[in-house]
């Protein structure tokens, strides 16, 4: 049993050596991304959220945009909570990315732990 546990420790250390630099790279990229500008449709949708929050405008009646109503509500929420600048969009991106990453990590860990318990006979 101890030999099996030792055999599992080496791959875990190797995985940690590989994953640790990737985590550092991910964090550095997250910090650098805070300076990115909004592009393409995002400024238009954010402006629609601004019109809804500040001026009480209603999409499709007071201004024309071809996106679905949920998109306007999402950008209105971002504007109300984080503001209407580029940093607000980047912070929202990072929050959503972190939430998705944590969800994926918990799902993957549960599968890995289940397989390891089955191999060890627990």
N, C-alpha and C. Protein backbone atom coordinates (compact mmCIF):
# COMPACT_ATOMS: atom_id res chain seq x y z
N UNK A 1 0.83 -1.19 0.00
CA UNK A 1 0.00 0.00 0.00
C UNK A 1 0.87 1.26 0.00
N UNK A 2 1.98 1.26 0.78
CA UNK A 2 2.85 2.44 0.82
C UNK A 2 3.52 2.66 -0.52
N UNK A 3 3.89 1.58 -1.20
CA UNK A 3 4.51 1.71 -2.53
C UNK A 3 3.54 2.35 -3.52
N UNK A 4 2.26 2.01 -3.41
CA UNK A 4 1.26 2.59 -4.30
C UNK A 4 1.09 4.08 -4.01
N UNK A 5 1.11 4.44 -2.74
CA UNK A 5 0.99 5.86 -2.37
C UNK A 5 2.22 6.62 -2.85
N UNK A 6 3.44 6.05 -2.68
CA UNK A 6 4.66 6.69 -3.16
C UNK A 6 4.64 6.83 -4.69
N UNK A 7 4.14 5.83 -5.36
CA UNK A 7 4.05 5.89 -6.83
C UNK A 7 3.12 7.00 -7.27
N UNK A 8 2.13 7.32 -6.47
CA UNK A 8 1.20 8.41 -6.79
C UNK A 8 1.80 9.77 -6.46
N UNK A 9 2.73 9.85 -5.51
CA UNK A 9 3.30 11.12 -5.09
C UNK A 9 4.16 11.74 -6.18
N UNK A 10 4.93 10.94 -6.88
CA UNK A 10 5.83 11.46 -7.92
C UNK A 10 5.04 12.13 -9.04
N UNK A 11 4.00 11.50 -9.59
CA UNK A 11 3.22 12.21 -10.62
C UNK A 11 2.55 13.47 -10.08
N UNK A 12 2.15 13.48 -8.82
CA UNK A 12 1.54 14.68 -8.24
C UNK A 12 2.54 15.83 -8.18
N UNK A 13 3.79 15.51 -7.80
CA UNK A 13 4.83 16.54 -7.76
C UNK A 13 5.16 17.03 -9.17
N UNK A 14 5.21 16.14 -10.11
CA UNK A 14 5.46 16.53 -11.50
C UNK A 14 4.33 17.42 -12.02
N UNK A 15 3.12 17.09 -11.68
CA UNK A 15 1.97 17.91 -12.10
C UNK A 15 2.05 19.29 -11.46
N UNK A 16 2.48 19.35 -10.19
CA UNK A 16 2.60 20.64 -9.51
C UNK A 16 3.68 21.50 -10.16
N UNK A 17 4.77 20.88 -10.58
CA UNK A 17 5.85 21.62 -11.24
C UNK A 17 5.37 22.18 -12.58
N UNK A 18 4.50 21.47 -13.24
CA UNK A 18 3.97 21.94 -14.52
C UNK A 18 2.87 22.98 -14.31
N UNK A 19 2.02 22.75 -13.34
CA UNK A 19 0.86 23.63 -13.15
C UNK A 19 1.24 24.96 -12.51
N UNK A 20 2.20 24.97 -11.60
CA UNK A 20 2.56 26.21 -10.90
C UNK A 20 2.98 27.33 -11.86
N UNK A 21 3.87 27.10 -12.83
CA UNK A 21 4.18 28.18 -13.77
C UNK A 21 2.98 28.62 -14.61
N UNK A 22 2.10 27.69 -14.92
CA UNK A 22 0.90 28.05 -15.68
C UNK A 22 -0.01 28.96 -14.87
N UNK A 23 -0.11 28.70 -13.58
CA UNK A 23 -0.93 29.56 -12.71
C UNK A 23 -0.33 30.96 -12.64
N UNK A 24 1.01 31.04 -12.50
CA UNK A 24 1.68 32.34 -12.46
C UNK A 24 1.45 33.08 -13.78
N UNK A 25 1.59 32.37 -14.90
CA UNK A 25 1.35 32.97 -16.20
C UNK A 25 -0.09 33.47 -16.33
N UNK A 26 -1.04 32.69 -15.84
CA UNK A 26 -2.45 33.08 -15.86
C UNK A 26 -2.66 34.36 -15.06
N UNK A 27 -2.06 34.45 -13.88
CA UNK A 27 -2.23 35.64 -13.04
C UNK A 27 -1.59 36.87 -13.68
N UNK A 28 -0.41 36.70 -14.27
CA UNK A 28 0.23 37.82 -14.97
C UNK A 28 -0.63 38.29 -16.14
N UNK A 29 -1.16 37.35 -16.89
CA UNK A 29 -2.03 37.71 -18.02
C UNK A 29 -3.28 38.43 -17.54
N UNK A 30 -3.81 38.01 -16.41
CA UNK A 30 -5.00 38.67 -15.86
C UNK A 30 -4.69 40.12 -15.49
N UNK A 31 -3.52 40.36 -14.90
CA UNK A 31 -3.14 41.73 -14.53
C UNK A 31 -2.92 42.58 -15.78
N UNK A 32 -2.26 42.02 -16.78
CA UNK A 32 -2.02 42.77 -18.02
C UNK A 32 -3.33 43.06 -18.74
N UNK A 33 -4.28 42.15 -18.67
CA UNK A 33 -5.55 42.33 -19.39
C UNK A 33 -6.38 43.47 -18.83
N UNK A 34 -6.09 43.92 -17.63
CA UNK A 34 -6.85 45.03 -17.05
C UNK A 34 -6.65 46.33 -17.84
N UNK A 35 -5.63 46.41 -18.67
CA UNK A 35 -5.37 47.62 -19.46
C UNK A 35 -5.96 47.54 -20.86
N UNK A 36 -6.58 46.43 -21.22
CA UNK A 36 -7.15 46.29 -22.56
C UNK A 36 -8.35 47.20 -22.73
N UNK A 37 -8.58 47.62 -23.96
CA UNK A 37 -9.72 48.48 -24.29
C UNK A 37 -10.91 47.63 -24.76
N UNK A 38 -12.09 48.20 -24.64
CA UNK A 38 -13.28 47.54 -25.21
C UNK A 38 -13.20 47.63 -26.74
N UNK A 39 -13.66 46.57 -27.39
CA UNK A 39 -13.64 46.56 -28.86
C UNK A 39 -14.92 45.95 -29.41
N UNK A 40 -15.15 46.20 -30.69
CA UNK A 40 -16.24 45.61 -31.47
C UNK A 40 -17.62 46.00 -30.91
N UNK A 41 -18.44 45.04 -30.55
CA UNK A 41 -19.81 45.32 -30.11
C UNK A 41 -19.90 45.76 -28.65
N UNK A 42 -18.89 45.47 -27.87
CA UNK A 42 -18.97 45.74 -26.43
C UNK A 42 -19.24 47.21 -26.11
N UNK A 43 -18.55 48.20 -26.73
CA UNK A 43 -18.86 49.59 -26.40
C UNK A 43 -20.31 49.97 -26.73
N UNK A 44 -20.83 49.45 -27.85
CA UNK A 44 -22.21 49.76 -28.22
C UNK A 44 -23.20 49.20 -27.21
N UNK A 45 -22.96 47.97 -26.79
CA UNK A 45 -23.85 47.36 -25.81
C UNK A 45 -23.72 48.02 -24.45
N UNK A 46 -22.51 48.40 -24.11
CA UNK A 46 -22.30 49.09 -22.83
C UNK A 46 -22.98 50.46 -22.85
N UNK A 47 -22.93 51.13 -23.99
CA UNK A 47 -23.62 52.40 -24.13
C UNK A 47 -25.14 52.21 -24.02
N UNK A 48 -25.64 51.13 -24.56
CA UNK A 48 -27.08 50.84 -24.43
C UNK A 48 -27.44 50.66 -22.96
N UNK A 49 -26.58 49.95 -22.21
CA UNK A 49 -26.81 49.81 -20.77
C UNK A 49 -26.76 51.16 -20.07
N UNK A 50 -25.85 52.03 -20.52
CA UNK A 50 -25.75 53.38 -19.96
C UNK A 50 -27.03 54.18 -20.22
N UNK A 51 -27.53 54.09 -21.44
CA UNK A 51 -28.78 54.79 -21.77
C UNK A 51 -29.94 54.30 -20.90
N UNK A 52 -29.96 53.00 -20.65
CA UNK A 52 -31.04 52.44 -19.84
C UNK A 52 -30.91 52.89 -18.38
N UNK A 53 -29.70 52.87 -17.84
CA UNK A 53 -29.50 53.21 -16.42
C UNK A 53 -29.63 54.70 -16.15
N UNK A 54 -28.96 55.52 -16.96
CA UNK A 54 -28.87 56.95 -16.66
C UNK A 54 -30.08 57.72 -17.17
N UNK A 55 -30.54 57.42 -18.38
CA UNK A 55 -31.62 58.19 -18.99
C UNK A 55 -32.96 57.47 -19.00
N UNK A 56 -33.01 56.23 -18.53
CA UNK A 56 -34.27 55.50 -18.49
C UNK A 56 -34.80 55.11 -19.86
N UNK A 57 -33.92 55.03 -20.84
CA UNK A 57 -34.35 54.67 -22.20
C UNK A 57 -34.71 53.19 -22.25
N UNK A 58 -35.58 52.85 -23.17
CA UNK A 58 -36.04 51.46 -23.34
C UNK A 58 -35.57 50.98 -24.72
N UNK A 59 -34.88 49.83 -24.75
CA UNK A 59 -34.40 49.34 -26.04
C UNK A 59 -35.55 49.06 -27.01
N UNK A 60 -35.27 49.25 -28.27
CA UNK A 60 -36.19 49.02 -29.38
C UNK A 60 -37.27 50.10 -29.49
N UNK A 61 -37.51 50.86 -28.44
CA UNK A 61 -38.47 51.95 -28.52
C UNK A 61 -37.73 53.29 -28.58
N UNK A 62 -36.77 53.49 -27.66
CA UNK A 62 -36.06 54.76 -27.59
C UNK A 62 -34.73 54.75 -28.34
N UNK A 63 -34.17 53.59 -28.55
CA UNK A 63 -32.95 53.49 -29.36
C UNK A 63 -32.96 52.14 -30.05
N UNK A 64 -32.28 52.09 -31.19
CA UNK A 64 -32.29 50.87 -32.00
C UNK A 64 -30.99 50.11 -31.82
N UNK A 65 -31.11 48.84 -31.56
CA UNK A 65 -29.98 47.92 -31.47
C UNK A 65 -30.51 46.54 -31.77
N UNK A 66 -29.73 45.72 -32.44
CA UNK A 66 -30.21 44.42 -32.91
C UNK A 66 -29.96 43.28 -31.92
N UNK A 67 -29.40 43.56 -30.77
CA UNK A 67 -29.11 42.49 -29.81
C UNK A 67 -30.35 42.12 -29.01
N UNK A 68 -30.25 41.00 -28.32
CA UNK A 68 -31.37 40.51 -27.51
C UNK A 68 -31.46 41.30 -26.19
N UNK A 69 -32.64 41.34 -25.57
CA UNK A 69 -32.83 42.14 -24.35
C UNK A 69 -31.92 41.73 -23.19
N UNK A 70 -31.60 40.45 -23.05
CA UNK A 70 -30.75 40.02 -21.95
C UNK A 70 -29.36 40.64 -22.01
N UNK A 71 -28.89 40.89 -23.21
CA UNK A 71 -27.58 41.53 -23.38
C UNK A 71 -27.61 42.94 -22.83
N UNK A 72 -28.69 43.67 -23.08
CA UNK A 72 -28.81 45.03 -22.55
C UNK A 72 -28.85 45.01 -21.03
N UNK A 73 -29.62 44.08 -20.49
CA UNK A 73 -29.73 43.99 -19.03
C UNK A 73 -28.38 43.63 -18.40
N UNK A 74 -27.63 42.74 -19.05
CA UNK A 74 -26.32 42.36 -18.56
C UNK A 74 -25.39 43.57 -18.51
N UNK A 75 -25.36 44.36 -19.59
CA UNK A 75 -24.49 45.53 -19.63
C UNK A 75 -25.00 46.64 -18.72
N UNK A 76 -26.28 46.75 -18.55
CA UNK A 76 -26.81 47.72 -17.59
C UNK A 76 -26.39 47.34 -16.17
N UNK A 77 -26.40 46.05 -15.87
CA UNK A 77 -25.96 45.57 -14.56
C UNK A 77 -24.47 45.84 -14.35
N UNK A 78 -23.65 45.56 -15.36
CA UNK A 78 -22.21 45.83 -15.25
C UNK A 78 -21.98 47.32 -15.00
N UNK A 79 -22.68 48.15 -15.76
CA UNK A 79 -22.53 49.60 -15.59
C UNK A 79 -22.95 50.08 -14.21
N UNK A 80 -24.01 49.52 -13.70
CA UNK A 80 -24.49 49.93 -12.38
C UNK A 80 -23.54 49.48 -11.27
N UNK A 81 -22.98 48.30 -11.41
CA UNK A 81 -22.12 47.74 -10.35
C UNK A 81 -20.68 48.23 -10.47
N UNK A 82 -20.10 48.17 -11.68
CA UNK A 82 -18.67 48.45 -11.84
C UNK A 82 -18.38 49.77 -12.56
N UNK A 83 -19.36 50.36 -13.21
CA UNK A 83 -19.11 51.60 -13.94
C UNK A 83 -19.16 51.35 -15.44
N UNK A 84 -18.82 52.41 -16.20
CA UNK A 84 -18.97 52.36 -17.65
C UNK A 84 -17.65 52.47 -18.40
N UNK A 85 -16.55 52.17 -17.75
CA UNK A 85 -15.27 52.29 -18.42
C UNK A 85 -14.73 50.92 -18.83
N UNK A 86 -13.55 50.92 -19.42
CA UNK A 86 -12.92 49.68 -19.89
C UNK A 86 -12.63 48.73 -18.73
N UNK A 87 -12.21 49.29 -17.61
CA UNK A 87 -11.87 48.46 -16.46
C UNK A 87 -13.08 47.66 -15.96
N UNK A 88 -14.26 48.22 -16.08
CA UNK A 88 -15.47 47.51 -15.65
C UNK A 88 -15.66 46.22 -16.46
N UNK A 89 -15.44 46.31 -17.75
CA UNK A 89 -15.58 45.12 -18.61
C UNK A 89 -14.50 44.10 -18.28
N UNK A 90 -13.27 44.57 -18.07
CA UNK A 90 -12.17 43.65 -17.77
C UNK A 90 -12.38 42.96 -16.42
N UNK A 91 -12.85 43.69 -15.42
CA UNK A 91 -13.12 43.08 -14.11
C UNK A 91 -14.23 42.04 -14.24
N UNK A 92 -15.26 42.35 -15.00
CA UNK A 92 -16.33 41.39 -15.24
C UNK A 92 -15.80 40.15 -15.95
N UNK A 93 -14.94 40.35 -16.94
CA UNK A 93 -14.31 39.21 -17.64
C UNK A 93 -13.57 38.32 -16.66
N UNK A 94 -12.78 38.94 -15.79
CA UNK A 94 -11.97 38.16 -14.84
C UNK A 94 -12.84 37.44 -13.82
N UNK A 95 -13.91 38.07 -13.38
CA UNK A 95 -14.82 37.42 -12.43
C UNK A 95 -15.48 36.20 -13.09
N UNK A 96 -15.96 36.37 -14.31
CA UNK A 96 -16.59 35.25 -15.01
C UNK A 96 -15.58 34.13 -15.30
N UNK A 97 -14.37 34.50 -15.71
CA UNK A 97 -13.33 33.51 -15.98
C UNK A 97 -12.95 32.76 -14.70
N UNK A 98 -12.83 33.48 -13.59
CA UNK A 98 -12.51 32.83 -12.32
C UNK A 98 -13.61 31.88 -11.89
N UNK A 99 -14.86 32.30 -12.03
CA UNK A 99 -15.97 31.43 -11.67
C UNK A 99 -16.01 30.17 -12.51
N UNK A 100 -15.80 30.32 -13.80
CA UNK A 100 -15.78 29.14 -14.68
C UNK A 100 -14.59 28.23 -14.36
N UNK A 101 -13.45 28.83 -14.06
CA UNK A 101 -12.26 28.03 -13.73
C UNK A 101 -12.47 27.25 -12.43
N UNK A 102 -13.04 27.90 -11.43
CA UNK A 102 -13.29 27.20 -10.16
C UNK A 102 -14.32 26.09 -10.33
N UNK A 103 -15.33 26.34 -11.13
CA UNK A 103 -16.33 25.30 -11.40
C UNK A 103 -15.69 24.10 -12.08
N UNK A 104 -14.87 24.38 -13.08
CA UNK A 104 -14.19 23.30 -13.79
C UNK A 104 -13.25 22.54 -12.85
N UNK A 105 -12.52 23.27 -12.01
CA UNK A 105 -11.59 22.64 -11.08
C UNK A 105 -12.31 21.72 -10.12
N UNK A 106 -13.45 22.15 -9.57
CA UNK A 106 -14.18 21.30 -8.63
C UNK A 106 -14.74 20.06 -9.32
N UNK A 107 -15.21 20.22 -10.54
CA UNK A 107 -15.73 19.06 -11.27
C UNK A 107 -14.62 18.06 -11.59
N UNK A 108 -13.48 18.56 -12.06
CA UNK A 108 -12.38 17.69 -12.42
C UNK A 108 -11.79 17.02 -11.17
N UNK A 109 -11.67 17.78 -10.09
CA UNK A 109 -11.13 17.20 -8.86
C UNK A 109 -12.01 16.08 -8.33
N UNK A 110 -13.30 16.25 -8.42
CA UNK A 110 -14.18 15.19 -7.92
C UNK A 110 -14.01 13.91 -8.74
N UNK A 111 -13.80 14.05 -10.04
CA UNK A 111 -13.59 12.87 -10.88
C UNK A 111 -12.23 12.23 -10.55
N UNK A 112 -11.20 13.03 -10.40
CA UNK A 112 -9.86 12.51 -10.10
C UNK A 112 -9.84 11.84 -8.74
N UNK A 113 -10.44 12.49 -7.74
CA UNK A 113 -10.46 11.90 -6.40
C UNK A 113 -11.21 10.57 -6.39
N UNK A 114 -12.31 10.51 -7.14
CA UNK A 114 -13.08 9.26 -7.21
C UNK A 114 -12.25 8.15 -7.84
N UNK A 115 -11.54 8.45 -8.92
CA UNK A 115 -10.69 7.44 -9.55
C UNK A 115 -9.57 6.99 -8.64
N UNK A 116 -8.95 7.93 -7.92
CA UNK A 116 -7.86 7.56 -7.02
C UNK A 116 -8.36 6.69 -5.88
N UNK A 117 -9.52 7.01 -5.34
CA UNK A 117 -10.08 6.19 -4.25
C UNK A 117 -10.38 4.78 -4.74
N UNK A 118 -10.86 4.67 -5.96
CA UNK A 118 -11.16 3.35 -6.50
C UNK A 118 -9.88 2.54 -6.69
N UNK A 119 -8.81 3.20 -7.14
CA UNK A 119 -7.55 2.50 -7.34
C UNK A 119 -6.93 2.06 -6.01
N UNK A 120 -7.05 2.89 -4.99
CA UNK A 120 -6.49 2.55 -3.68
C UNK A 120 -7.37 1.62 -2.88
N UNK A 121 -8.57 1.40 -3.34
CA UNK A 121 -9.46 0.47 -2.65
C UNK A 121 -10.27 1.11 -1.53
N UNK A 122 -10.43 2.44 -1.55
CA UNK A 122 -11.22 3.11 -0.50
C UNK A 122 -12.66 3.27 -0.94
